[in-house]
Amino acid sequence: STKISDGKIYTAVSVERGMGKTTFLINLAKEIADASGEEVLLIDFNNDINDLSFLLNVDVTYNTIHYMNNMTEENADQLLSKVSRYKNSSLFVMANGFLRKGGEKISVRNIDEALNILKKHYKYIFLDLDPNDEAVEKELIRLSDYVFIVMNSMISSLEKLKAFIEIMYEGKNIKLILNKYEQKNVEKLEEIQAFLGR
């Protein structure tokens, strides 16, 4: 891939499973890849499930953990040549597939270097985070330019979200994606904003 220097990192999180985070991120990344013609990278940090490789039907040579723990300036071109391309598009996918070995984890100390290398190769990098690995999640959010929080309009989700934002995201450029909106749960979007104090 062509070297660039201003790649941006867009991260999607949710306060609980089943909010549509991965589907939202796939659609956004595909749309950006199609509209811009730039090489876009979608990275799956969900270690327990294999959503991206399954939903996009891509073959995986190395899992995300391998890329994050082993990427250096010296081997980046070789490693990135193994990243899966979605169909014939400019969307590339770094996923776990079924290659994860028991106990295998991403080292937080390697994330910064790996993402800085990736920013030189991809203009847009989308991260699908795992809510079960708080140390990795905090580091990835720290390195992100934009954070999308995908949720529904149930009050229980809103209560979790408020605490979530105060703990993890203070000072970040956050966009709230309200998925599965139901009028009966929250009367107006203004009520959500008032509830969150934003």
N, C-alpha and C. Protein backbone atom coordinates (compact mmCIF):
# COMPACT_ATOMS: atom_id res chain seq x y z
N SER A 1 0.83 -1.19 0.00
CA SER A 1 0.00 0.00 0.00
C SER A 1 0.87 1.25 0.00
N THR A 2 0.31 2.36 -0.45
CA THR A 2 1.02 3.62 -0.52
C THR A 2 1.22 4.20 0.88
N LYS A 3 2.40 4.77 1.12
CA LYS A 3 2.68 5.35 2.44
C LYS A 3 1.99 6.70 2.56
N ILE A 4 1.31 6.91 3.68
CA ILE A 4 0.71 8.18 4.01
C ILE A 4 1.11 8.51 5.44
N SER A 5 0.75 9.68 5.92
CA SER A 5 1.18 10.01 7.28
C SER A 5 0.05 10.52 8.15
N ASP A 6 -1.14 10.66 7.58
CA ASP A 6 -2.20 11.29 8.35
C ASP A 6 -3.41 10.38 8.55
N GLY A 7 -3.19 9.08 8.66
CA GLY A 7 -4.30 8.17 8.88
C GLY A 7 -5.03 8.49 10.17
N LYS A 8 -6.34 8.34 10.16
CA LYS A 8 -7.17 8.62 11.33
C LYS A 8 -7.79 7.33 11.83
N ILE A 9 -7.98 7.28 13.16
CA ILE A 9 -8.52 6.08 13.80
C ILE A 9 -9.93 6.38 14.31
N TYR A 10 -10.88 5.57 13.85
CA TYR A 10 -12.28 5.66 14.24
C TYR A 10 -12.63 4.39 15.00
N THR A 11 -13.09 4.55 16.24
CA THR A 11 -13.33 3.40 17.10
C THR A 11 -14.81 3.28 17.44
N ALA A 12 -15.32 2.06 17.39
CA ALA A 12 -16.71 1.81 17.78
C ALA A 12 -16.74 0.94 19.02
N VAL A 13 -17.54 1.36 20.00
CA VAL A 13 -17.73 0.61 21.24
C VAL A 13 -19.22 0.56 21.54
N SER A 14 -19.59 -0.31 22.45
CA SER A 14 -20.97 -0.32 22.96
C SER A 14 -20.90 -0.71 24.43
N VAL A 15 -21.93 -0.33 25.17
CA VAL A 15 -21.93 -0.62 26.60
C VAL A 15 -22.35 -2.06 26.88
N GLU A 16 -22.98 -2.70 25.88
CA GLU A 16 -23.35 -4.10 26.02
C GLU A 16 -23.47 -4.72 24.63
N ARG A 17 -23.46 -6.03 24.58
CA ARG A 17 -23.55 -6.73 23.30
C ARG A 17 -24.95 -6.59 22.70
N GLY A 18 -25.02 -6.77 21.38
CA GLY A 18 -26.31 -6.77 20.70
C GLY A 18 -26.82 -5.41 20.30
N MET A 19 -25.96 -4.41 20.33
CA MET A 19 -26.37 -3.05 19.99
C MET A 19 -26.23 -2.75 18.49
N GLY A 20 -25.58 -3.64 17.74
CA GLY A 20 -25.39 -3.41 16.32
C GLY A 20 -24.09 -2.70 15.99
N LYS A 21 -23.14 -2.70 16.92
CA LYS A 21 -21.86 -2.00 16.75
C LYS A 21 -21.08 -2.50 15.55
N THR A 22 -20.92 -3.80 15.44
CA THR A 22 -20.12 -4.36 14.36
C THR A 22 -20.77 -4.11 13.00
N THR A 23 -22.08 -4.28 12.92
CA THR A 23 -22.79 -4.02 11.66
C THR A 23 -22.66 -2.55 11.27
N PHE A 24 -22.82 -1.65 12.24
CA PHE A 24 -22.64 -0.22 11.97
C PHE A 24 -21.24 0.06 11.42
N LEU A 25 -20.23 -0.51 12.06
CA LEU A 25 -18.85 -0.24 11.67
C LEU A 25 -18.53 -0.80 10.29
N ILE A 26 -19.00 -2.00 10.00
CA ILE A 26 -18.80 -2.60 8.67
C ILE A 26 -19.41 -1.69 7.60
N ASN A 27 -20.64 -1.27 7.81
CA ASN A 27 -21.30 -0.42 6.81
C ASN A 27 -20.59 0.92 6.63
N LEU A 28 -20.14 1.52 7.73
CA LEU A 28 -19.42 2.79 7.64
C LEU A 28 -18.09 2.62 6.90
N ALA A 29 -17.34 1.60 7.26
CA ALA A 29 -16.04 1.36 6.61
C ALA A 29 -16.21 1.07 5.11
N LYS A 30 -17.20 0.25 4.77
CA LYS A 30 -17.45 -0.05 3.35
C LYS A 30 -17.82 1.20 2.58
N GLU A 31 -18.67 2.03 3.18
CA GLU A 31 -19.11 3.26 2.53
C GLU A 31 -17.94 4.21 2.32
N ILE A 32 -17.09 4.38 3.32
CA ILE A 32 -15.91 5.25 3.20
C ILE A 32 -14.96 4.71 2.13
N ALA A 33 -14.74 3.40 2.12
CA ALA A 33 -13.85 2.79 1.11
C ALA A 33 -14.40 3.03 -0.29
N ASP A 34 -15.70 2.81 -0.47
CA ASP A 34 -16.32 2.99 -1.79
C ASP A 34 -16.32 4.45 -2.23
N ALA A 35 -16.65 5.35 -1.30
CA ALA A 35 -16.78 6.76 -1.65
C ALA A 35 -15.43 7.44 -1.87
N SER A 36 -14.42 7.05 -1.09
CA SER A 36 -13.13 7.74 -1.15
C SER A 36 -12.14 7.09 -2.12
N GLY A 37 -12.28 5.78 -2.33
CA GLY A 37 -11.29 5.06 -3.13
C GLY A 37 -9.99 4.82 -2.38
N GLU A 38 -9.91 5.32 -1.15
CA GLU A 38 -8.71 5.13 -0.31
C GLU A 38 -8.73 3.74 0.29
N GLU A 39 -7.54 3.25 0.64
CA GLU A 39 -7.47 1.97 1.33
C GLU A 39 -7.92 2.16 2.78
N VAL A 40 -8.91 1.40 3.18
CA VAL A 40 -9.52 1.49 4.50
C VAL A 40 -9.26 0.18 5.22
N LEU A 41 -8.90 0.27 6.49
CA LEU A 41 -8.63 -0.93 7.28
C LEU A 41 -9.65 -1.05 8.40
N LEU A 42 -10.24 -2.22 8.51
CA LEU A 42 -11.21 -2.54 9.55
C LEU A 42 -10.58 -3.61 10.43
N ILE A 43 -10.43 -3.31 11.72
CA ILE A 43 -9.74 -4.24 12.63
C ILE A 43 -10.69 -4.76 13.69
N ASP A 44 -10.71 -6.06 13.86
CA ASP A 44 -11.57 -6.73 14.83
C ASP A 44 -10.79 -6.98 16.12
N PHE A 45 -11.17 -6.26 17.19
CA PHE A 45 -10.57 -6.49 18.50
C PHE A 45 -11.49 -7.30 19.41
N ASN A 46 -12.55 -7.86 18.84
CA ASN A 46 -13.45 -8.74 19.60
C ASN A 46 -12.81 -10.11 19.64
N ASN A 47 -12.23 -10.44 20.77
CA ASN A 47 -11.48 -11.70 20.86
C ASN A 47 -12.33 -12.93 21.09
N ASP A 48 -13.55 -12.74 21.57
CA ASP A 48 -14.39 -13.89 21.89
C ASP A 48 -15.20 -14.40 20.71
N ILE A 49 -15.50 -13.52 19.78
CA ILE A 49 -16.33 -13.91 18.65
C ILE A 49 -15.63 -13.50 17.36
N ASN A 50 -16.09 -14.04 16.25
CA ASN A 50 -15.42 -13.84 14.97
C ASN A 50 -16.34 -13.10 14.00
N ASP A 51 -16.97 -12.04 14.47
CA ASP A 51 -17.98 -11.35 13.68
C ASP A 51 -17.48 -10.88 12.32
N LEU A 52 -16.37 -10.16 12.28
CA LEU A 52 -15.93 -9.56 11.02
C LEU A 52 -15.61 -10.59 9.96
N SER A 53 -14.84 -11.60 10.31
CA SER A 53 -14.50 -12.61 9.30
C SER A 53 -15.74 -13.35 8.84
N PHE A 54 -16.67 -13.58 9.76
CA PHE A 54 -17.91 -14.29 9.40
C PHE A 54 -18.82 -13.41 8.55
N LEU A 55 -19.09 -12.18 9.00
CA LEU A 55 -20.02 -11.30 8.29
C LEU A 55 -19.52 -10.88 6.92
N LEU A 56 -18.21 -10.70 6.79
CA LEU A 56 -17.64 -10.28 5.50
C LEU A 56 -17.14 -11.46 4.66
N ASN A 57 -17.18 -12.65 5.25
CA ASN A 57 -16.75 -13.86 4.54
C ASN A 57 -15.34 -13.70 3.96
N VAL A 58 -14.40 -13.34 4.84
CA VAL A 58 -13.01 -13.20 4.41
C VAL A 58 -12.16 -14.29 5.07
N ASP A 59 -11.18 -14.74 4.34
CA ASP A 59 -10.22 -15.70 4.88
C ASP A 59 -9.16 -14.92 5.67
N VAL A 60 -8.70 -15.50 6.74
CA VAL A 60 -7.76 -14.82 7.63
C VAL A 60 -6.46 -15.62 7.68
N THR A 61 -5.33 -14.96 7.34
CA THR A 61 -4.02 -15.61 7.41
C THR A 61 -3.47 -15.52 8.82
N TYR A 62 -3.48 -14.30 9.38
CA TYR A 62 -3.04 -14.07 10.76
C TYR A 62 -4.19 -13.41 11.50
N ASN A 63 -4.28 -13.64 12.81
CA ASN A 63 -5.32 -12.97 13.57
C ASN A 63 -4.85 -11.59 14.03
N THR A 64 -5.79 -10.79 14.52
CA THR A 64 -5.49 -9.43 14.97
C THR A 64 -4.39 -9.42 16.02
N ILE A 65 -4.44 -10.38 16.92
CA ILE A 65 -3.46 -10.46 17.99
C ILE A 65 -2.05 -10.60 17.42
N HIS A 66 -1.89 -11.44 16.40
CA HIS A 66 -0.58 -11.63 15.77
C HIS A 66 -0.08 -10.31 15.16
N TYR A 67 -0.96 -9.61 14.43
CA TYR A 67 -0.55 -8.33 13.82
C TYR A 67 -0.13 -7.33 14.90
N MET A 68 -0.94 -7.17 15.92
CA MET A 68 -0.66 -6.17 16.96
C MET A 68 0.62 -6.49 17.73
N ASN A 69 0.85 -7.75 18.04
CA ASN A 69 2.01 -8.12 18.86
C ASN A 69 3.31 -8.23 18.08
N ASN A 70 3.24 -8.31 16.75
CA ASN A 70 4.46 -8.57 15.96
C ASN A 70 4.82 -7.50 14.94
N MET A 71 4.01 -6.47 14.76
CA MET A 71 4.27 -5.50 13.72
C MET A 71 5.39 -4.53 14.12
N THR A 72 6.34 -4.37 13.22
CA THR A 72 7.42 -3.40 13.38
C THR A 72 7.58 -2.66 12.05
N GLU A 73 8.33 -1.57 12.07
CA GLU A 73 8.61 -0.84 10.82
C GLU A 73 9.28 -1.76 9.79
N GLU A 74 10.14 -2.65 10.29
CA GLU A 74 10.91 -3.52 9.40
C GLU A 74 10.05 -4.59 8.72
N ASN A 75 9.02 -5.10 9.40
CA ASN A 75 8.26 -6.19 8.79
C ASN A 75 6.85 -5.79 8.37
N ALA A 76 6.51 -4.49 8.47
CA ALA A 76 5.14 -4.04 8.20
C ALA A 76 4.66 -4.39 6.80
N ASP A 77 5.48 -4.12 5.78
CA ASP A 77 5.04 -4.41 4.41
C ASP A 77 4.75 -5.90 4.22
N GLN A 78 5.60 -6.73 4.77
CA GLN A 78 5.41 -8.18 4.65
C GLN A 78 4.13 -8.61 5.38
N LEU A 79 3.94 -8.14 6.62
CA LEU A 79 2.74 -8.50 7.38
C LEU A 79 1.47 -7.98 6.71
N LEU A 80 1.51 -6.74 6.26
CA LEU A 80 0.31 -6.13 5.67
C LEU A 80 -0.06 -6.76 4.34
N SER A 81 0.87 -7.41 3.70
CA SER A 81 0.54 -8.12 2.46
C SER A 81 -0.38 -9.31 2.73
N LYS A 82 -0.50 -9.72 3.98
CA LYS A 82 -1.34 -10.86 4.36
C LYS A 82 -2.73 -10.43 4.86
N VAL A 83 -2.97 -9.12 4.97
CA VAL A 83 -4.28 -8.64 5.44
C VAL A 83 -5.33 -8.95 4.38
N SER A 84 -6.49 -9.41 4.81
CA SER A 84 -7.56 -9.81 3.90
C SER A 84 -8.20 -8.61 3.23
N ARG A 85 -8.43 -8.73 1.92
CA ARG A 85 -9.15 -7.71 1.17
C ARG A 85 -10.60 -8.17 1.02
N TYR A 86 -11.53 -7.25 1.25
CA TYR A 86 -12.94 -7.58 1.08
C TYR A 86 -13.31 -7.48 -0.39
N LYS A 87 -13.64 -8.62 -0.96
CA LYS A 87 -13.97 -8.73 -2.39
C LYS A 87 -12.90 -8.01 -3.20
N ASN A 88 -13.27 -7.16 -4.16
CA ASN A 88 -12.27 -6.42 -4.93
C ASN A 88 -12.28 -4.94 -4.57
N SER A 89 -12.65 -4.64 -3.33
CA SER A 89 -12.78 -3.25 -2.91
C SER A 89 -11.47 -2.74 -2.31
N SER A 90 -11.51 -1.50 -1.83
CA SER A 90 -10.35 -0.94 -1.13
C SER A 90 -10.50 -1.10 0.38
N LEU A 91 -11.39 -2.00 0.81
CA LEU A 91 -11.57 -2.30 2.22
C LEU A 91 -10.75 -3.53 2.58
N PHE A 92 -9.91 -3.37 3.60
CA PHE A 92 -9.08 -4.46 4.09
C PHE A 92 -9.53 -4.81 5.51
N VAL A 93 -9.42 -6.09 5.85
CA VAL A 93 -9.96 -6.57 7.12
C VAL A 93 -8.90 -7.35 7.88
N MET A 94 -8.66 -6.92 9.11
CA MET A 94 -7.78 -7.63 10.03
C MET A 94 -8.72 -8.24 11.07
N ALA A 95 -8.91 -9.55 11.01
CA ALA A 95 -9.90 -10.19 11.86
C ALA A 95 -9.29 -11.38 12.58
N ASN A 96 -10.07 -11.96 13.46
CA ASN A 96 -9.58 -13.11 14.22
C ASN A 96 -9.89 -14.44 13.57
N GLY A 97 -10.94 -14.50 12.77
CA GLY A 97 -11.31 -15.77 12.17
C GLY A 97 -11.39 -16.82 13.26
N PHE A 98 -10.89 -17.99 12.98
CA PHE A 98 -10.89 -19.03 14.00
C PHE A 98 -9.46 -19.39 14.36
N LEU A 99 -8.56 -18.40 14.26
CA LEU A 99 -7.13 -18.65 14.46
C LEU A 99 -6.66 -18.37 15.88
N ARG A 100 -7.54 -17.85 16.72
CA ARG A 100 -7.10 -17.49 18.07
C ARG A 100 -6.83 -18.73 18.90
N LYS A 101 -5.67 -18.73 19.54
CA LYS A 101 -5.30 -19.82 20.43
C LYS A 101 -5.71 -19.45 21.86
N GLY A 102 -6.08 -20.42 22.64
CA GLY A 102 -6.48 -20.16 24.02
C GLY A 102 -5.42 -19.40 24.79
N GLY A 103 -5.83 -18.37 25.51
CA GLY A 103 -4.91 -17.59 26.33
C GLY A 103 -4.13 -16.53 25.59
N GLU A 104 -4.23 -16.50 24.28
CA GLU A 104 -3.50 -15.52 23.48
C GLU A 104 -4.12 -14.13 23.67
N LYS A 105 -3.28 -13.12 23.98
CA LYS A 105 -3.78 -11.78 24.24
C LYS A 105 -2.91 -10.74 23.53
N ILE A 106 -3.52 -9.58 23.30
CA ILE A 106 -2.78 -8.45 22.74
C ILE A 106 -2.01 -7.78 23.87
N SER A 107 -0.77 -7.46 23.60
CA SER A 107 0.05 -6.74 24.57
C SER A 107 -0.20 -5.25 24.41
N VAL A 108 -0.63 -4.60 25.48
CA VAL A 108 -0.94 -3.17 25.45
C VAL A 108 0.27 -2.37 24.99
N ARG A 109 1.46 -2.77 25.38
CA ARG A 109 2.66 -1.99 25.02
C ARG A 109 2.96 -2.01 23.52
N ASN A 110 2.40 -2.98 22.77
CA ASN A 110 2.63 -3.06 21.33
C ASN A 110 1.62 -2.27 20.51
N ILE A 111 0.49 -1.92 21.11
CA ILE A 111 -0.61 -1.32 20.36
C ILE A 111 -0.22 0.02 19.74
N ASP A 112 0.43 0.88 20.51
CA ASP A 112 0.81 2.21 20.04
C ASP A 112 1.68 2.13 18.79
N GLU A 113 2.72 1.30 18.85
CA GLU A 113 3.61 1.15 17.69
C GLU A 113 2.87 0.59 16.49
N ALA A 114 2.07 -0.43 16.70
CA ALA A 114 1.36 -1.06 15.59
C ALA A 114 0.40 -0.07 14.92
N LEU A 115 -0.36 0.68 15.71
CA LEU A 115 -1.31 1.62 15.11
C LEU A 115 -0.61 2.78 14.42
N ASN A 116 0.51 3.24 14.97
CA ASN A 116 1.26 4.30 14.29
C ASN A 116 1.79 3.82 12.94
N ILE A 117 2.19 2.58 12.86
CA ILE A 117 2.63 2.01 11.58
C ILE A 117 1.45 1.93 10.62
N LEU A 118 0.32 1.44 11.11
CA LEU A 118 -0.88 1.31 10.27
C LEU A 118 -1.35 2.66 9.74
N LYS A 119 -1.22 3.73 10.53
CA LYS A 119 -1.62 5.07 10.10
C LYS A 119 -0.79 5.56 8.91
N LYS A 120 0.36 4.97 8.72
CA LYS A 120 1.21 5.33 7.57
C LYS A 120 0.76 4.60 6.30
N HIS A 121 -0.04 3.57 6.44
CA HIS A 121 -0.46 2.74 5.31
C HIS A 121 -1.94 2.90 4.93
N TYR A 122 -2.76 3.32 5.89
CA TYR A 122 -4.20 3.44 5.65
C TYR A 122 -4.69 4.81 6.11
N LYS A 123 -5.46 5.47 5.27
CA LYS A 123 -5.99 6.80 5.61
C LYS A 123 -7.09 6.70 6.66
N TYR A 124 -7.87 5.63 6.60
CA TYR A 124 -8.97 5.42 7.54
C TYR A 124 -8.81 4.06 8.20
N ILE A 125 -8.81 4.05 9.52
CA ILE A 125 -8.69 2.80 10.28
C ILE A 125 -9.88 2.74 11.24
N PHE A 126 -10.64 1.66 11.13
CA PHE A 126 -11.82 1.47 11.97
C PHE A 126 -11.57 0.31 12.93
N LEU A 127 -11.81 0.56 14.22
CA LEU A 127 -11.57 -0.44 15.24
C LEU A 127 -12.88 -0.88 15.87
N ASP A 128 -13.10 -2.19 15.91
CA ASP A 128 -14.27 -2.78 16.56
C ASP A 128 -13.77 -3.34 17.89
N LEU A 129 -14.11 -2.66 19.01
CA LEU A 129 -13.52 -3.00 20.30
C LEU A 129 -14.24 -4.11 21.05
N ASP A 130 -13.47 -4.75 21.91
CA ASP A 130 -13.96 -5.81 22.78
C ASP A 130 -14.21 -5.22 24.16
N PRO A 131 -15.48 -5.23 24.61
CA PRO A 131 -15.75 -4.65 25.93
C PRO A 131 -15.21 -5.47 27.09
N ASN A 132 -14.64 -6.64 26.81
CA ASN A 132 -14.16 -7.51 27.88
C ASN A 132 -12.68 -7.34 28.21
N ASP A 133 -11.97 -6.49 27.47
CA ASP A 133 -10.55 -6.29 27.73
C ASP A 133 -10.32 -4.81 28.00
N GLU A 134 -10.52 -4.39 29.25
CA GLU A 134 -10.51 -2.98 29.59
C GLU A 134 -9.17 -2.29 29.33
N ALA A 135 -8.06 -2.97 29.59
CA ALA A 135 -6.74 -2.35 29.39
C ALA A 135 -6.51 -2.05 27.91
N VAL A 136 -6.81 -3.01 27.06
CA VAL A 136 -6.66 -2.81 25.61
C VAL A 136 -7.65 -1.75 25.13
N GLU A 137 -8.88 -1.82 25.61
CA GLU A 137 -9.90 -0.86 25.20
C GLU A 137 -9.48 0.57 25.55
N LYS A 138 -8.99 0.80 26.76
CA LYS A 138 -8.55 2.14 27.17
C LYS A 138 -7.42 2.65 26.29
N GLU A 139 -6.47 1.79 25.97
CA GLU A 139 -5.34 2.20 25.13
C GLU A 139 -5.80 2.54 23.72
N LEU A 140 -6.69 1.72 23.17
CA LEU A 140 -7.18 1.98 21.81
C LEU A 140 -7.99 3.27 21.76
N ILE A 141 -8.79 3.52 22.78
CA ILE A 141 -9.56 4.76 22.84
C ILE A 141 -8.62 5.96 22.97
N ARG A 142 -7.60 5.83 23.77
CA ARG A 142 -6.61 6.91 23.93
C ARG A 142 -5.98 7.28 22.59
N LEU A 143 -5.75 6.29 21.74
CA LEU A 143 -5.10 6.51 20.45
C LEU A 143 -6.08 6.91 19.34
N SER A 144 -7.36 6.86 19.62
CA SER A 144 -8.38 7.12 18.60
C SER A 144 -8.60 8.61 18.38
N ASP A 145 -8.93 8.95 17.13
CA ASP A 145 -9.29 10.32 16.79
C ASP A 145 -10.78 10.56 17.04
N TYR A 146 -11.59 9.54 16.80
CA TYR A 146 -13.04 9.62 16.97
C TYR A 146 -13.53 8.34 17.62
N VAL A 147 -14.54 8.46 18.49
CA VAL A 147 -15.14 7.30 19.14
C VAL A 147 -16.64 7.32 18.89
N PHE A 148 -17.15 6.22 18.36
CA PHE A 148 -18.60 6.04 18.17
C PHE A 148 -19.10 5.10 19.26
N ILE A 149 -20.08 5.54 20.03
CA ILE A 149 -20.70 4.66 21.01
C ILE A 149 -22.05 4.26 20.45
N VAL A 150 -22.18 2.97 20.16
CA VAL A 150 -23.41 2.45 19.56
C VAL A 150 -24.28 1.87 20.68
N MET A 151 -25.53 2.32 20.73
CA MET A 151 -26.42 1.88 21.81
C MET A 151 -27.87 1.95 21.35
N ASN A 152 -28.77 1.47 22.20
CA ASN A 152 -30.18 1.64 21.93
C ASN A 152 -30.74 2.68 22.90
N SER A 153 -32.05 2.91 22.85
CA SER A 153 -32.64 3.99 23.64
C SER A 153 -33.26 3.51 24.95
N MET A 154 -32.98 2.30 25.37
CA MET A 154 -33.49 1.82 26.65
C MET A 154 -32.80 2.58 27.79
N ILE A 155 -33.54 2.92 28.81
CA ILE A 155 -32.99 3.67 29.94
C ILE A 155 -31.84 2.93 30.60
N SER A 156 -31.91 1.60 30.68
CA SER A 156 -30.81 0.84 31.29
C SER A 156 -29.51 1.06 30.52
N SER A 157 -29.59 1.14 29.19
CA SER A 157 -28.40 1.42 28.37
C SER A 157 -27.90 2.82 28.62
N LEU A 158 -28.82 3.77 28.77
CA LEU A 158 -28.43 5.15 29.01
C LEU A 158 -27.69 5.30 30.34
N GLU A 159 -28.16 4.60 31.35
CA GLU A 159 -27.50 4.67 32.66
C GLU A 159 -26.08 4.11 32.58
N LYS A 160 -25.91 2.99 31.89
CA LYS A 160 -24.57 2.42 31.70
C LYS A 160 -23.69 3.36 30.90
N LEU A 161 -24.28 3.98 29.87
CA LEU A 161 -23.53 4.88 29.01
C LEU A 161 -22.99 6.07 29.78
N LYS A 162 -23.82 6.65 30.62
CA LYS A 162 -23.38 7.83 31.38
C LYS A 162 -22.14 7.52 32.21
N ALA A 163 -22.15 6.40 32.92
CA ALA A 163 -20.99 6.00 33.72
C ALA A 163 -19.79 5.68 32.82
N PHE A 164 -20.07 5.03 31.71
CA PHE A 164 -19.05 4.63 30.74
C PHE A 164 -18.30 5.85 30.22
N ILE A 165 -19.03 6.89 29.84
CA ILE A 165 -18.42 8.11 29.30
C ILE A 165 -17.55 8.79 30.36
N GLU A 166 -18.07 8.89 31.57
CA GLU A 166 -17.33 9.57 32.63
C GLU A 166 -16.03 8.87 32.96
N ILE A 167 -16.02 7.55 32.89
CA ILE A 167 -14.82 6.78 33.24
C ILE A 167 -13.82 6.73 32.08
N MET A 168 -14.31 6.46 30.87
CA MET A 168 -13.41 6.10 29.77
C MET A 168 -13.14 7.20 28.75
N TYR A 169 -14.06 8.12 28.54
CA TYR A 169 -13.99 8.93 27.33
C TYR A 169 -13.90 10.42 27.55
N GLU A 170 -13.62 10.86 28.74
CA GLU A 170 -13.56 12.29 28.98
C GLU A 170 -12.53 12.92 28.04
N GLY A 171 -12.95 13.96 27.33
CA GLY A 171 -12.04 14.68 26.44
C GLY A 171 -11.95 14.11 25.04
N LYS A 172 -12.63 13.02 24.75
CA LYS A 172 -12.59 12.43 23.41
C LYS A 172 -13.70 13.01 22.54
N ASN A 173 -13.48 12.98 21.23
CA ASN A 173 -14.50 13.38 20.27
C ASN A 173 -15.46 12.19 20.12
N ILE A 174 -16.59 12.26 20.83
CA ILE A 174 -17.53 11.14 20.89
C ILE A 174 -18.75 11.42 20.03
N LYS A 175 -19.17 10.42 19.28
CA LYS A 175 -20.42 10.47 18.54
C LYS A 175 -21.29 9.34 19.05
N LEU A 176 -22.50 9.66 19.42
CA LEU A 176 -23.43 8.66 19.91
C LEU A 176 -24.26 8.17 18.74
N ILE A 177 -24.25 6.86 18.50
CA ILE A 177 -25.04 6.25 17.44
C ILE A 177 -26.21 5.56 18.11
N LEU A 178 -27.39 6.09 17.90
CA LEU A 178 -28.59 5.52 18.51
C LEU A 178 -29.18 4.52 17.53
N ASN A 179 -29.00 3.26 17.84
CA ASN A 179 -29.45 2.16 16.99
C ASN A 179 -30.69 1.56 17.61
N LYS A 180 -31.54 0.99 16.81
CA LYS A 180 -32.76 0.33 17.31
C LYS A 180 -33.61 1.30 18.13
N TYR A 181 -33.73 2.52 17.63
CA TYR A 181 -34.49 3.56 18.33
C TYR A 181 -35.97 3.20 18.38
N GLU A 182 -36.55 3.26 19.56
CA GLU A 182 -37.97 2.99 19.73
C GLU A 182 -38.60 4.17 20.46
N GLN A 183 -39.59 4.77 19.86
CA GLN A 183 -40.26 5.95 20.42
C GLN A 183 -40.80 5.68 21.82
N LYS A 184 -41.25 4.44 22.07
CA LYS A 184 -41.87 4.14 23.37
C LYS A 184 -40.86 4.16 24.52
N ASN A 185 -39.55 3.98 24.23
CA ASN A 185 -38.56 3.92 25.29
C ASN A 185 -38.11 5.30 25.76
N VAL A 186 -37.86 6.17 24.83
CA VAL A 186 -37.45 7.53 25.14
C VAL A 186 -38.23 8.44 24.21
N GLU A 187 -38.91 9.41 24.78
CA GLU A 187 -39.83 10.23 24.00
C GLU A 187 -39.12 11.02 22.90
N LYS A 188 -38.01 11.67 23.25
CA LYS A 188 -37.34 12.53 22.28
C LYS A 188 -35.84 12.40 22.45
N LEU A 189 -35.12 12.66 21.37
CA LEU A 189 -33.65 12.63 21.43
C LEU A 189 -33.13 13.66 22.43
N GLU A 190 -33.86 14.77 22.60
CA GLU A 190 -33.44 15.80 23.56
C GLU A 190 -33.39 15.22 24.98
N GLU A 191 -34.27 14.27 25.26
CA GLU A 191 -34.27 13.65 26.58
C GLU A 191 -32.99 12.87 26.82
N ILE A 192 -32.49 12.22 25.77
CA ILE A 192 -31.23 11.48 25.89
C ILE A 192 -30.10 12.46 26.19
N GLN A 193 -30.05 13.55 25.45
CA GLN A 193 -29.01 14.55 25.68
C GLN A 193 -29.09 15.12 27.10
N ALA A 194 -30.31 15.40 27.57
CA ALA A 194 -30.48 15.93 28.92
C ALA A 194 -30.05 14.90 29.95
N PHE A 195 -30.39 13.64 29.71
CA PHE A 195 -30.04 12.58 30.64
C PHE A 195 -28.52 12.46 30.77
N LEU A 196 -27.83 12.59 29.63
CA LEU A 196 -26.37 12.45 29.63
C LEU A 196 -25.68 13.74 30.05
N GLY A 197 -26.42 14.84 30.15
CA GLY A 197 -25.80 16.10 30.54
C GLY A 197 -24.93 16.67 29.47
N ARG A 198 -25.28 16.42 28.20
CA ARG A 198 -24.47 16.88 27.07
C ARG A 198 -25.24 17.88 26.23
